[in-house]
């Protein structure tokens, strides 16, 4: 299997253009497919009715919280493994791989148990229960999808390690299999079998089980620079190395707290959104799905930057780490432009892919135009640049900025704009853009300095 090659002999061109293309293009495809899992649930459930869309949208806000937590742990392991690779230490890179998979599986299993026990109370925090039908469907969808968390945690750990060594093709093909199963299951279970949101949840669960099994099988391939080894005689696979886990958590925990508290903020905001009419709630869910699609290229480049910057920092090539970061940031802006221009000028084309009630369409159009403008101007600074800092190990700074900005602007401003100025759902999305601006300014200032370059985690 081909991996990203750090060229030791060429100090002015650490990675070839071919290396970057081979890494980034599969990541774009993978991110598109990952977004399609949630988008397919929303689009195919929309035929059941507005209450079903509202239920899926509400639960997916919570699901994304935990998905981000597992992704953060995966990113922590990827940073550690990438830095070991950059230093030429494959033995410790493989040791990090095993500990990442074990710790992520244990964490995800604990989360699943808690949600299964307290699912009604959790939904109660997000939905005031004004629509009993929506509430019942939310319980069902959450219970089924939370069972997939341990498998999703293992899958995320595996793909994070694939990216650390530049092997993004394997994770792309696994994502294709995941989507085929998910969309095929939706087509069979939602309408023909009459299961509605339960059918969407079951399809998601099955797709994640299969993808986890596949990715674990791939990770036992010893020809890869990072792989899982079968236990030697006298030891067992499920043996925790807490020193290695500490290194992973040094990046993963701040990143996990950042992403999780970021999603907690979204859950608090969902408490506002659930007070809106069903059509407006459905419009919010559809806008969230569309927004995930238009940022796919930028997200893919952000993931690639963890591999590139992480290996350069591990190899003590700080100047090149900063140069490649600037190059990747420019590429993010260029990649974000086409889809967001289409979204700004033709928002109805995107919205009409869903079955949205007429009352929600004008609101969705207004929000999508606003979102496109923000994506073109500030998204890359807010969500792309912190990946450069995390890849170097500067995760605590990005955590602090993100949490403060979320609480003061995204949550605080949402309440002020919705209840103080009466802007409704639009106020929530305006507050989101204010959050982006503050994050972008803080990350730019940090990147311009040199402290982040001295945060190596190994």
Protein backbone atom coordinates (compact mmCIF):
# COMPACT_ATOMS: atom_id res chain seq x y z
CA UNK A 1 0.00 0.00 0.00
CA UNK A 2 1.27 3.44 -0.91
CA UNK A 3 1.87 5.97 1.84
CA UNK A 4 2.76 9.63 1.91
CA UNK A 5 6.53 9.89 1.50
CA UNK A 6 8.48 12.46 3.49
CA UNK A 7 11.46 13.24 1.27
CA UNK A 8 14.46 13.45 3.58
CA UNK A 9 16.86 14.26 0.75
CA UNK A 10 14.95 17.33 -0.41
CA UNK A 11 14.70 19.98 2.32
CA UNK A 12 12.88 22.46 0.05
CA UNK A 13 10.17 20.06 -1.14
CA UNK A 14 9.28 17.64 1.68
CA UNK A 15 6.26 16.22 -0.18
CA UNK A 16 5.82 15.97 -3.92
CA UNK A 17 2.70 17.25 -5.67
CA UNK A 18 1.85 13.65 -6.50
CA UNK A 19 2.03 12.76 -2.79
CA UNK A 20 -0.39 15.57 -1.89
CA UNK A 21 -2.85 14.74 -4.67
CA UNK A 22 -2.77 11.03 -3.74
CA UNK A 23 -3.56 11.95 -0.12
CA UNK A 24 -6.14 14.71 -0.59
CA UNK A 25 -8.34 13.40 -3.43
CA UNK A 26 -9.34 10.17 -1.64
CA UNK A 27 -9.98 12.23 1.50
CA UNK A 28 -12.40 14.47 -0.43
CA UNK A 29 -14.24 11.38 -1.66
CA UNK A 30 -14.21 9.90 1.85
CA UNK A 31 -15.56 13.09 3.44
CA UNK A 32 -18.28 13.33 0.83
CA UNK A 33 -19.30 9.76 1.56
CA UNK A 34 -19.17 10.34 5.34
CA UNK A 35 -21.51 13.33 5.04
CA UNK A 36 -23.77 11.28 2.78
CA UNK A 37 -24.53 8.85 5.65
CA UNK A 38 -26.30 11.55 7.66
CA UNK A 39 -27.64 13.34 4.59
CA UNK A 40 -29.15 10.11 3.22
CA UNK A 41 -30.98 9.55 6.52
CA UNK A 42 -32.41 13.09 6.43
CA UNK A 43 -33.32 13.04 2.73
CA UNK A 44 -34.90 9.58 2.73
CA UNK A 45 -36.73 10.13 6.04
CA UNK A 46 -38.12 13.44 4.75
CA UNK A 47 -40.70 11.44 2.80
CA UNK A 48 -42.12 10.15 6.09
CA UNK A 49 -42.99 13.65 7.29
CA UNK A 50 -41.73 16.80 8.99
CA UNK A 51 -41.79 15.21 12.45
CA UNK A 52 -39.43 12.46 11.26
CA UNK A 53 -36.99 15.02 9.82
CA UNK A 54 -37.17 17.04 13.03
CA UNK A 55 -36.47 13.88 15.10
CA UNK A 56 -33.47 12.86 12.99
CA UNK A 57 -32.15 16.45 13.05
CA UNK A 58 -32.46 16.66 16.85
CA UNK A 59 -30.75 13.32 17.49
CA UNK A 60 -28.05 13.94 14.89
CA UNK A 61 -27.04 17.05 16.83
CA UNK A 62 -26.28 14.72 19.73
CA UNK A 63 -24.80 12.02 17.49
CA UNK A 64 -22.38 14.54 16.00
CA UNK A 65 -21.24 15.42 19.53
CA UNK A 66 -20.02 11.87 20.11
CA UNK A 67 -18.79 11.40 16.56
CA UNK A 68 -16.62 14.48 17.10
CA UNK A 69 -15.38 13.02 20.38
CA UNK A 70 -14.29 9.78 18.69
CA UNK A 71 -12.80 11.72 15.79
CA UNK A 72 -10.84 13.84 18.25
CA UNK A 73 -9.36 10.77 19.89
CA UNK A 74 -8.56 9.43 16.42
CA UNK A 75 -6.84 12.71 15.57
CA UNK A 76 -4.81 12.49 18.78
CA UNK A 77 -3.58 9.04 17.81
CA UNK A 78 -2.94 10.19 14.26
CA UNK A 79 -0.79 13.11 15.44
CA UNK A 80 1.29 10.85 17.70
CA UNK A 81 1.68 8.20 14.99
CA UNK A 82 2.51 10.79 12.30
CA UNK A 83 5.20 12.35 14.49
CA UNK A 84 6.72 8.93 15.18
CA UNK A 85 6.75 8.24 11.43
CA UNK A 86 8.39 11.59 10.78
CA UNK A 87 11.09 10.57 13.24
CA UNK A 88 11.44 7.14 11.62
CA UNK A 89 10.22 5.21 14.69
CA UNK A 90 7.78 2.62 13.27
CA UNK A 91 7.74 0.46 16.39
CA UNK A 92 6.23 3.19 18.54
CA UNK A 93 3.94 4.25 15.69
CA UNK A 94 2.44 0.72 15.74
CA UNK A 95 2.27 0.75 19.55
CA UNK A 96 0.31 4.02 19.33
CA UNK A 97 -2.04 2.40 16.82
CA UNK A 98 -2.99 -0.43 19.18
CA UNK A 99 -3.55 1.88 22.14
CA UNK A 100 -5.66 4.24 20.05
CA UNK A 101 -7.98 1.43 18.96
CA UNK A 102 -8.30 0.05 22.50
CA UNK A 103 -8.93 3.37 24.22
CA UNK A 104 -11.42 4.58 21.60
CA UNK A 105 -13.40 1.32 21.79
CA UNK A 106 -13.53 1.50 25.60
CA UNK A 107 -14.63 5.14 25.56
CA UNK A 108 -17.31 4.54 22.93
CA UNK A 109 -18.70 1.53 24.81
CA UNK A 110 -19.01 3.61 27.99
CA UNK A 111 -20.85 6.36 26.10
CA UNK A 112 -23.26 3.85 24.52
CA UNK A 113 -24.10 2.43 27.95
CA UNK A 114 -24.84 5.85 29.42
CA UNK A 115 -27.07 6.87 26.52
CA UNK A 116 -28.99 3.59 26.55
CA UNK A 117 -29.78 4.12 30.25
CA UNK A 118 -30.56 7.85 30.12
CA UNK A 119 -31.87 8.34 26.55
CA UNK A 120 -35.20 9.85 27.64
CA UNK A 121 -33.57 12.37 29.96
CA UNK A 122 -31.04 13.32 27.27
CA UNK A 123 -33.73 13.92 24.64
CA UNK A 124 -35.69 15.85 27.28
CA UNK A 125 -32.82 18.33 27.56
CA UNK A 126 -32.96 18.96 23.80
CA UNK A 127 -36.69 18.87 23.11
CA UNK A 128 -39.44 20.37 25.24
CA UNK A 129 -41.84 17.64 24.11
CA UNK A 130 -44.30 19.95 22.39
CA UNK A 131 -44.74 17.35 19.61
CA UNK A 132 -45.19 13.84 21.13
CA UNK A 133 -44.75 12.17 17.73
CA UNK A 134 -41.38 13.82 17.19
CA UNK A 135 -40.35 12.96 20.74
CA UNK A 136 -41.17 9.25 20.31
CA UNK A 137 -39.26 9.04 17.03
CA UNK A 138 -36.29 10.79 18.64
CA UNK A 139 -36.13 8.11 21.36
CA UNK A 140 -36.15 5.36 18.76
CA UNK A 141 -33.51 6.89 16.50
CA UNK A 142 -31.17 7.70 19.39
CA UNK A 143 -31.37 4.22 20.95
CA UNK A 144 -30.55 2.48 17.68
CA UNK A 145 -27.78 4.82 16.51
CA UNK A 146 -26.01 4.88 19.89
CA UNK A 147 -25.42 1.13 19.56
CA UNK A 148 -23.14 1.92 16.61
CA UNK A 149 -20.76 4.10 18.67
CA UNK A 150 -18.22 1.36 19.60
CA UNK A 151 -17.98 0.33 15.95
CA UNK A 152 -17.75 3.96 14.84
CA UNK A 153 -15.00 4.57 17.41
CA UNK A 154 -12.95 1.66 16.06
CA UNK A 155 -13.56 2.79 12.48
CA UNK A 156 -12.50 6.37 13.23
CA UNK A 157 -9.37 5.13 14.97
CA UNK A 158 -8.44 3.02 11.95
CA UNK A 159 -9.01 5.74 9.37
CA UNK A 160 -7.10 8.23 11.52
CA UNK A 161 -4.09 5.91 11.44
CA UNK A 162 -4.49 5.42 7.68
CA UNK A 163 -4.30 9.17 7.24
CA UNK A 164 -1.26 9.42 9.54
CA UNK A 165 0.72 7.28 7.08
CA UNK A 166 -0.86 8.91 4.02
CA UNK A 167 -2.89 5.85 3.00
CA UNK A 168 -6.24 7.56 2.41
CA UNK A 169 -7.38 5.14 -0.31
CA UNK A 170 -8.22 2.35 2.11
CA UNK A 171 -10.43 4.58 4.25
CA UNK A 172 -12.11 5.89 1.08
CA UNK A 173 -13.09 2.39 -0.07
CA UNK A 174 -14.34 1.55 3.41
CA UNK A 175 -16.50 4.70 3.31
CA UNK A 176 -17.92 3.58 -0.03
CA UNK A 177 -18.93 0.24 1.51
CA UNK A 178 -20.45 2.05 4.51
CA UNK A 179 -22.57 4.26 2.27
CA UNK A 180 -23.75 1.46 0.00
CA UNK A 181 -25.00 -0.45 3.04
CA UNK A 182 -26.54 2.65 4.65
CA UNK A 183 -28.35 3.94 1.57
CA UNK A 184 -29.42 0.46 0.48
CA UNK A 185 -30.76 -0.23 3.97
CA UNK A 186 -32.60 3.10 3.99
CA UNK A 187 -34.22 2.31 0.64
CA UNK A 188 -35.43 -1.05 1.96
CA UNK A 189 -36.30 -0.33 5.59
CA UNK A 190 -37.68 3.23 5.74
CA UNK A 191 -40.56 2.95 3.26
CA UNK A 192 -41.02 -0.64 1.91
CA UNK A 193 -40.74 -2.14 5.40
CA UNK A 194 -42.51 0.85 6.99
CA UNK A 195 -39.92 1.31 9.76
CA UNK A 196 -39.46 5.07 9.27
CA UNK A 197 -36.74 6.54 11.49
CA UNK A 198 -36.07 3.09 12.99
CA UNK A 199 -35.15 1.87 9.51
CA UNK A 200 -32.74 4.78 9.08
CA UNK A 201 -31.13 3.98 12.43
CA UNK A 202 -30.77 0.27 11.68
CA UNK A 203 -29.13 1.02 8.33
CA UNK A 204 -26.63 3.34 10.00
CA UNK A 205 -25.87 0.70 12.66
CA UNK A 206 -25.27 -2.08 10.12
CA UNK A 207 -23.06 0.14 7.94
CA UNK A 208 -20.85 1.05 10.90
CA UNK A 209 -20.49 -2.56 12.07
CA UNK A 210 -19.29 -3.64 8.62
CA UNK A 211 -16.91 -0.69 8.24
CA UNK A 212 -15.33 -1.37 11.65
CA UNK A 213 -14.73 -5.03 10.82
CA UNK A 214 -13.18 -4.10 7.45
CA UNK A 215 -10.89 -1.40 8.85
CA UNK A 216 -9.60 -3.69 11.63
CA UNK A 217 -8.83 -6.37 9.02
CA UNK A 218 -6.87 -3.84 6.97
CA UNK A 219 -4.93 -2.63 10.01
CA UNK A 220 -3.47 -6.15 10.56
CA UNK A 221 -1.59 -5.84 7.25
CA UNK A 222 2.07 -5.87 8.33
CA UNK A 223 3.27 -4.33 5.06
CA UNK A 224 1.96 -0.95 6.24
CA UNK A 225 4.31 1.27 8.29
CA UNK A 226 1.56 1.60 10.91
CA UNK A 227 -0.33 -1.62 11.63
CA UNK A 228 -1.77 -3.79 14.39
CA UNK A 229 0.37 -6.73 15.52
CA UNK A 230 -1.04 -9.97 16.81
CA UNK A 231 -0.12 -10.47 20.48
CA UNK A 232 3.09 -12.40 21.12
CA UNK A 233 3.11 -15.42 23.37
CA UNK A 234 2.38 -14.50 26.97
CA UNK A 235 0.63 -11.20 26.20
CA UNK A 236 -2.84 -10.25 25.08
CA UNK A 237 -4.11 -7.67 22.61
CA UNK A 238 -6.32 -5.91 25.17
CA UNK A 239 -3.42 -4.66 27.27
CA UNK A 240 -3.35 -0.94 27.96
CA UNK A 241 -0.11 1.04 27.78
CA UNK A 242 -1.00 4.09 29.83
CA UNK A 243 2.14 6.03 28.93
CA UNK A 244 1.32 5.77 25.23
CA UNK A 245 -2.33 6.56 25.94
CA UNK A 246 -1.17 9.65 27.83
CA UNK A 247 0.63 10.86 24.69
CA UNK A 248 -2.48 10.25 22.60
CA UNK A 249 -4.68 11.96 25.18
CA UNK A 250 -2.36 14.96 25.29
CA UNK A 251 -3.78 15.88 21.89
CA UNK A 252 -6.97 13.83 21.91
CA UNK A 253 -8.41 15.03 25.23
CA UNK A 254 -8.15 18.79 24.55
CA UNK A 255 -9.35 18.14 21.00
CA UNK A 256 -12.14 15.90 22.33
CA UNK A 257 -13.18 18.46 24.94
CA UNK A 258 -13.10 21.16 22.29
CA UNK A 259 -15.24 19.19 19.86
CA UNK A 260 -17.57 17.80 22.50
CA UNK A 261 -18.17 21.11 24.25
CA UNK A 262 -18.59 22.66 20.82
CA UNK A 263 -21.37 20.15 20.20
CA UNK A 264 -22.75 20.71 23.71
CA UNK A 265 -23.17 24.32 22.63
CA UNK A 266 -25.09 23.07 19.61
CA UNK A 267 -27.26 20.96 21.91
CA UNK A 268 -28.04 24.08 23.96
CA UNK A 269 -28.89 25.90 20.76
CA UNK A 270 -31.10 22.98 19.75
CA UNK A 271 -33.09 23.81 22.87
CA UNK A 272 -33.93 27.10 21.13
CA UNK A 273 -34.62 25.47 17.77
CA UNK A 274 -37.04 22.91 19.22
CA UNK A 275 -39.35 25.79 20.23
CA UNK A 276 -39.82 26.70 16.54
CA UNK A 277 -42.61 25.24 14.38
CA UNK A 278 -41.95 21.82 12.85
CA UNK A 279 -41.41 23.26 9.34
CA UNK A 280 -38.70 25.63 10.64
CA UNK A 281 -37.04 22.81 12.58
CA UNK A 282 -37.03 20.68 9.45
CA UNK A 283 -35.52 23.62 7.51
CA UNK A 284 -32.70 23.78 10.07
CA UNK A 285 -32.00 20.06 9.70
CA UNK A 286 -31.90 20.33 5.92
CA UNK A 287 -29.62 23.40 6.02
CA UNK A 288 -27.27 21.54 8.37
CA UNK A 289 -27.07 18.63 5.92
CA UNK A 290 -26.37 20.93 2.96
CA UNK A 291 -23.74 22.91 4.87
CA UNK A 292 -21.85 19.69 5.55
CA UNK A 293 -21.59 18.99 1.82
CA UNK A 294 -20.21 22.36 0.67
CA UNK A 295 -17.34 22.22 3.18
CA UNK A 296 -16.20 18.73 2.19
CA UNK A 297 -13.10 19.82 0.19
CA UNK A 298 -11.89 22.07 3.01
CA UNK A 299 -12.47 19.36 5.62
CA UNK A 300 -10.48 16.88 3.53
CA UNK A 301 -7.52 19.24 3.25
CA UNK A 302 -7.73 19.88 7.00
CA UNK A 303 -7.44 16.14 7.64
CA UNK A 304 -4.51 15.89 5.22
CA UNK A 305 -2.75 18.68 7.11
CA UNK A 306 -2.58 16.49 10.24
CA UNK A 307 -0.50 13.97 8.29
CA UNK A 308 1.68 16.56 6.55
CA UNK A 309 2.35 18.95 9.44
CA UNK A 310 2.57 16.08 11.96
CA UNK A 311 5.30 14.28 10.01
CA UNK A 312 7.24 17.51 9.46
CA UNK A 313 7.09 18.42 13.16
CA UNK A 314 8.13 14.85 14.08
CA UNK A 315 11.11 15.22 11.74
CA UNK A 316 11.98 18.59 13.38
CA UNK A 317 11.34 20.51 10.13
CA UNK A 318 9.49 23.47 11.64
CA UNK A 319 10.07 26.00 8.88
CA UNK A 320 8.62 23.62 6.30
CA UNK A 321 5.69 22.82 8.60
CA UNK A 322 4.72 26.50 8.53
CA UNK A 323 5.29 26.81 4.77
CA UNK A 324 3.11 23.80 4.01
CA UNK A 325 0.45 25.10 6.37
CA UNK A 326 0.19 28.34 4.36
CA UNK A 327 0.07 26.34 1.13
CA UNK A 328 -2.73 24.13 2.49
CA UNK A 329 -4.70 27.15 3.74
CA UNK A 330 -4.65 28.68 0.27
CA UNK A 331 -5.78 25.37 -1.17
CA UNK A 332 -8.69 25.30 1.31
CA UNK A 333 -9.92 28.69 0.12
CA UNK A 334 -9.73 27.65 -3.53
CA UNK A 335 -11.49 24.35 -2.89
CA UNK A 336 -14.33 25.97 -0.92
CA UNK A 337 -15.15 28.55 -3.58
CA UNK A 338 -17.03 26.60 -6.33
CA UNK A 339 -19.65 24.83 -4.21
CA UNK A 340 -20.31 27.86 -2.03
CA UNK A 341 -20.80 30.10 -5.06
CA UNK A 342 -23.34 27.60 -6.39
CA UNK A 343 -25.04 27.53 -3.00
CA UNK A 344 -25.23 31.33 -2.85
CA UNK A 345 -26.71 31.80 -6.32
CA UNK A 346 -28.84 28.63 -6.51
CA UNK A 347 -29.88 27.69 -2.94
CA UNK A 348 -33.28 26.37 -4.10
CA UNK A 349 -31.53 23.69 -6.17
CA UNK A 350 -29.95 22.25 -3.03
CA UNK A 351 -33.06 22.65 -0.86
CA UNK A 352 -35.33 20.98 -3.41
CA UNK A 353 -33.36 17.74 -2.96
CA UNK A 354 -35.39 17.38 0.25
CA UNK A 355 -39.13 17.24 0.94
CA UNK A 356 -39.46 20.49 2.90
CA UNK A 357 -42.81 22.08 3.73
CA UNK A 358 -43.47 25.34 1.87
CA UNK A 359 -43.34 27.38 5.10
CA UNK A 360 -39.71 26.38 5.66
CA UNK A 361 -38.35 27.08 2.15
CA UNK A 362 -37.90 30.91 2.37
CA UNK A 363 -36.11 30.54 5.71
CA UNK A 364 -33.82 27.83 4.32
CA UNK A 365 -32.96 29.96 1.27
CA UNK A 366 -32.03 32.93 3.47
CA UNK A 367 -29.85 30.79 5.74
CA UNK A 368 -28.04 29.07 2.86
CA UNK A 369 -27.10 32.39 1.26
CA UNK A 370 -25.69 33.59 4.57
CA UNK A 371 -23.84 30.32 5.08
CA UNK A 372 -22.22 30.46 1.64
CA UNK A 373 -20.84 33.94 2.30
CA UNK A 374 -19.37 32.87 5.63
CA UNK A 375 -17.82 29.75 4.12
CA UNK A 376 -16.09 31.72 1.39
CA UNK A 377 -14.61 34.26 3.81
CA UNK A 378 -13.97 32.80 7.26
CA UNK A 379 -14.58 29.02 7.36
CA UNK A 380 -11.00 28.02 6.47
CA UNK A 381 -9.53 30.27 9.18
CA UNK A 382 -11.97 28.98 11.78
CA UNK A 383 -11.81 25.23 11.06
CA UNK A 384 -8.82 24.65 8.77
CA UNK A 385 -6.09 26.59 10.55
CA UNK A 386 -6.55 24.94 13.99
CA UNK A 387 -5.66 21.59 12.36
CA UNK A 388 -2.15 22.95 11.73
CA UNK A 389 -1.84 23.86 15.41
CA UNK A 390 -3.18 20.49 16.61
CA UNK A 391 -0.84 18.56 14.30
CA UNK A 392 2.05 20.23 16.12
CA UNK A 393 0.52 19.35 19.51
CA UNK A 394 -0.90 22.81 20.30
CA UNK A 395 -4.32 21.37 21.15
CA UNK A 396 -4.87 23.20 24.45
CA UNK A 397 -4.84 26.59 22.75
CA UNK A 398 -7.36 25.58 20.10
CA UNK A 399 -9.54 24.08 22.84
CA UNK A 400 -9.54 27.28 24.91
CA UNK A 401 -10.36 29.51 21.95
CA UNK A 402 -13.12 27.25 20.67
CA UNK A 403 -14.84 26.86 24.04
CA UNK A 404 -14.75 30.57 24.87
CA UNK A 405 -15.95 31.56 21.42
CA UNK A 406 -18.73 28.96 21.47
CA UNK A 407 -20.10 30.04 24.84
CA UNK A 408 -19.87 33.79 24.32
CA UNK A 409 -20.88 34.06 20.68
CA UNK A 410 -22.55 30.96 19.26
CA UNK A 411 -24.65 30.25 22.37
CA UNK A 412 -24.84 33.71 23.96
CA UNK A 413 -25.47 35.57 20.73
CA UNK A 414 -28.07 32.99 19.65
CA UNK A 415 -30.21 33.74 22.69
CA UNK A 416 -29.73 37.48 22.19
CA UNK A 417 -30.58 37.44 18.48
CA UNK A 418 -33.50 35.01 18.76
CA UNK A 419 -35.20 36.30 21.90
CA UNK A 420 -33.82 39.83 22.13
CA UNK A 421 -34.10 40.81 18.46
CA UNK A 422 -36.73 38.30 17.29
CA UNK A 423 -34.68 36.99 14.35
CA UNK A 424 -35.84 33.39 14.76
CA UNK A 425 -33.77 30.65 13.14
CA UNK A 426 -31.75 33.21 11.17
CA UNK A 427 -30.43 34.58 14.47
CA UNK A 428 -28.95 31.18 15.33
CA UNK A 429 -27.02 31.05 12.07
CA UNK A 430 -25.83 34.66 12.36
CA UNK A 431 -24.43 33.83 15.81
CA UNK A 432 -22.58 30.89 14.26
CA UNK A 433 -20.82 33.21 11.81
CA UNK A 434 -19.84 35.59 14.62
CA UNK A 435 -18.23 32.59 16.32
CA UNK A 436 -16.30 31.78 13.13
CA UNK A 437 -14.90 35.32 12.94
CA UNK A 438 -13.64 35.30 16.53
CA UNK A 439 -12.05 31.85 16.16
CA UNK A 440 -10.39 32.83 12.89
CA UNK A 441 -8.80 35.96 14.34
CA UNK A 442 -7.42 34.09 17.38
CA UNK A 443 -5.98 31.24 15.32
CA UNK A 444 -4.35 33.65 12.84
CA UNK A 445 -2.59 35.48 15.68
CA UNK A 446 -1.34 32.19 17.16
CA UNK A 447 -0.15 30.87 13.79
CA UNK A 448 1.78 34.08 13.09
CA UNK A 449 3.93 33.39 16.17
CA UNK A 450 6.26 30.46 16.90
CA UNK A 451 4.97 28.92 20.16
CA UNK A 452 2.81 26.36 18.34
CA UNK A 453 5.91 24.99 16.58
CA UNK A 454 7.44 23.92 19.91
CA UNK A 455 4.55 21.68 21.06
CA UNK A 456 5.86 18.27 19.86
CA UNK A 457 4.07 15.41 21.70
CA UNK A 458 6.69 12.62 21.44
